[in-house]
Amino acid sequence: MATKQLYSANLFHRMSFGDFGFRYLATGETSLSGERFCLIQALDNTNVDFTNNTPGGDTTITGLAMKDFHEVLGDITDLTVNQGHVIAYLRN
């Protein structure tokens, strides 16, 4: 997990262990407006759309196919599950 924008080891460790909570989303569900996630974990064969707010790389991801237990890390918003189930871990 990139630590460039984290201001303390405490924040990094709390986020890594899910201390800020998570959302369980299933087919057809969308994250709440304004929610930010640090990690998406697929629970089965999953297809998702989301926005990645990091300064480098791709920002809008559409139709990403994920196999069970694959993970994506970033500063993620606007998560939509097109197929399958995910656990999305909240950022502070």
Protein backbone atom coordinates (compact mmCIF):
# COMPACT_ATOMS: atom_id res chain seq x y z
CA MET A 1 0.00 0.00 0.00
CA ALA A 2 1.41 3.39 -0.96
CA THR A 3 2.20 5.49 2.11
CA LYS A 4 3.08 8.75 0.33
CA GLN A 5 -0.05 10.61 1.51
CA LEU A 6 -0.26 9.09 4.98
CA TYR A 7 0.93 11.30 7.78
CA SER A 8 1.68 8.72 10.46
CA ALA A 9 2.48 5.05 10.88
CA ASN A 10 -0.54 4.85 13.19
CA LEU A 11 -2.89 5.89 10.38
CA PHE A 12 -1.28 3.39 7.99
CA HIS A 13 -1.63 0.51 10.45
CA ARG A 14 -5.21 1.38 11.40
CA MET A 15 -6.23 1.50 7.74
CA SER A 16 -4.34 -1.73 6.97
CA PHE A 17 -6.25 -3.61 9.66
CA GLY A 18 -9.65 -2.22 8.67
CA ASP A 19 -10.11 -0.04 11.76
CA PHE A 20 -12.10 2.52 9.72
CA GLY A 21 -14.65 -0.11 8.70
CA PHE A 22 -15.71 -1.61 5.41
CA ARG A 23 -18.64 -1.91 3.04
CA TYR A 24 -19.98 -5.18 1.69
CA LEU A 25 -21.38 -4.58 -1.79
CA ALA A 26 -23.13 -7.05 -4.08
CA THR A 27 -24.25 -7.05 -7.72
CA GLY A 28 -25.96 -3.78 -8.65
CA GLU A 29 -24.89 -1.89 -5.51
CA THR A 30 -22.93 1.38 -5.45
CA SER A 31 -20.88 2.99 -2.68
CA LEU A 32 -22.28 6.01 -0.87
CA SER A 33 -21.40 9.46 -2.21
CA GLY A 34 -18.18 10.78 -0.70
CA GLU A 35 -16.91 7.44 0.62
CA ARG A 36 -13.24 6.67 0.02
CA PHE A 37 -11.71 3.20 0.08
CA CYS A 38 -8.11 2.00 0.34
CA LEU A 39 -8.70 -1.57 -0.84
CA ILE A 40 -11.29 -3.59 -2.74
CA GLN A 41 -11.28 -7.35 -2.25
CA ALA A 42 -13.33 -9.59 -4.55
CA LEU A 43 -15.13 -12.43 -2.78
CA ASP A 44 -15.93 -14.31 -6.00
CA ASN A 45 -15.66 -13.66 -9.73
CA THR A 46 -16.46 -9.96 -9.74
CA ASN A 47 -16.75 -7.07 -12.18
CA VAL A 48 -16.44 -3.49 -10.87
CA ASP A 49 -16.26 0.15 -11.94
CA PHE A 50 -14.55 2.81 -9.79
CA THR A 51 -12.54 6.02 -9.76
CA ASN A 52 -8.94 6.00 -8.53
CA ASN A 53 -7.94 9.42 -7.15
CA THR A 54 -4.18 8.88 -7.01
CA PRO A 55 -2.04 11.42 -8.89
CA GLY A 56 -0.47 8.86 -11.23
CA GLY A 57 -1.80 6.07 -13.39
CA ASP A 58 -5.33 5.38 -14.55
CA THR A 59 -8.18 7.23 -12.87
CA THR A 60 -11.43 5.80 -14.27
CA ILE A 61 -11.70 2.02 -14.25
CA THR A 62 -14.66 0.45 -16.06
CA GLY A 63 -15.52 -3.24 -16.20
CA LEU A 64 -12.53 -4.54 -14.24
CA ALA A 65 -12.83 -8.32 -13.93
CA MET A 66 -11.48 -9.66 -10.64
CA LYS A 67 -11.18 -13.29 -9.62
CA ASP A 68 -12.05 -14.42 -6.12
CA PHE A 69 -9.84 -12.89 -3.41
CA HIS A 70 -7.98 -10.56 -5.78
CA GLU A 71 -7.37 -7.06 -4.40
CA VAL A 72 -7.00 -3.54 -5.77
CA LEU A 73 -5.40 -0.76 -3.69
CA GLY A 74 -5.64 3.00 -4.15
CA ASP A 75 -7.67 6.05 -3.19
CA ILE A 76 -10.91 4.63 -4.54
CA THR A 77 -14.32 6.33 -4.87
CA ASP A 78 -17.54 5.82 -6.84
CA LEU A 79 -17.43 2.04 -6.57
CA THR A 80 -20.08 0.06 -8.46
CA VAL A 81 -20.33 -3.73 -8.43
CA ASN A 82 -21.57 -4.95 -11.81
CA GLN A 83 -21.30 -8.62 -10.88
CA GLY A 84 -20.25 -10.52 -7.79
CA HIS A 85 -19.47 -9.41 -4.24
CA VAL A 86 -16.73 -7.25 -2.71
CA ILE A 87 -15.53 -5.99 0.63
CA ALA A 88 -14.27 -2.40 0.29
CA TYR A 89 -12.17 -1.09 3.20
CA LEU A 90 -12.80 2.54 4.14
CA ARG A 91 -10.09 5.19 4.33
CA ASN A 92 -10.06 7.74 7.12
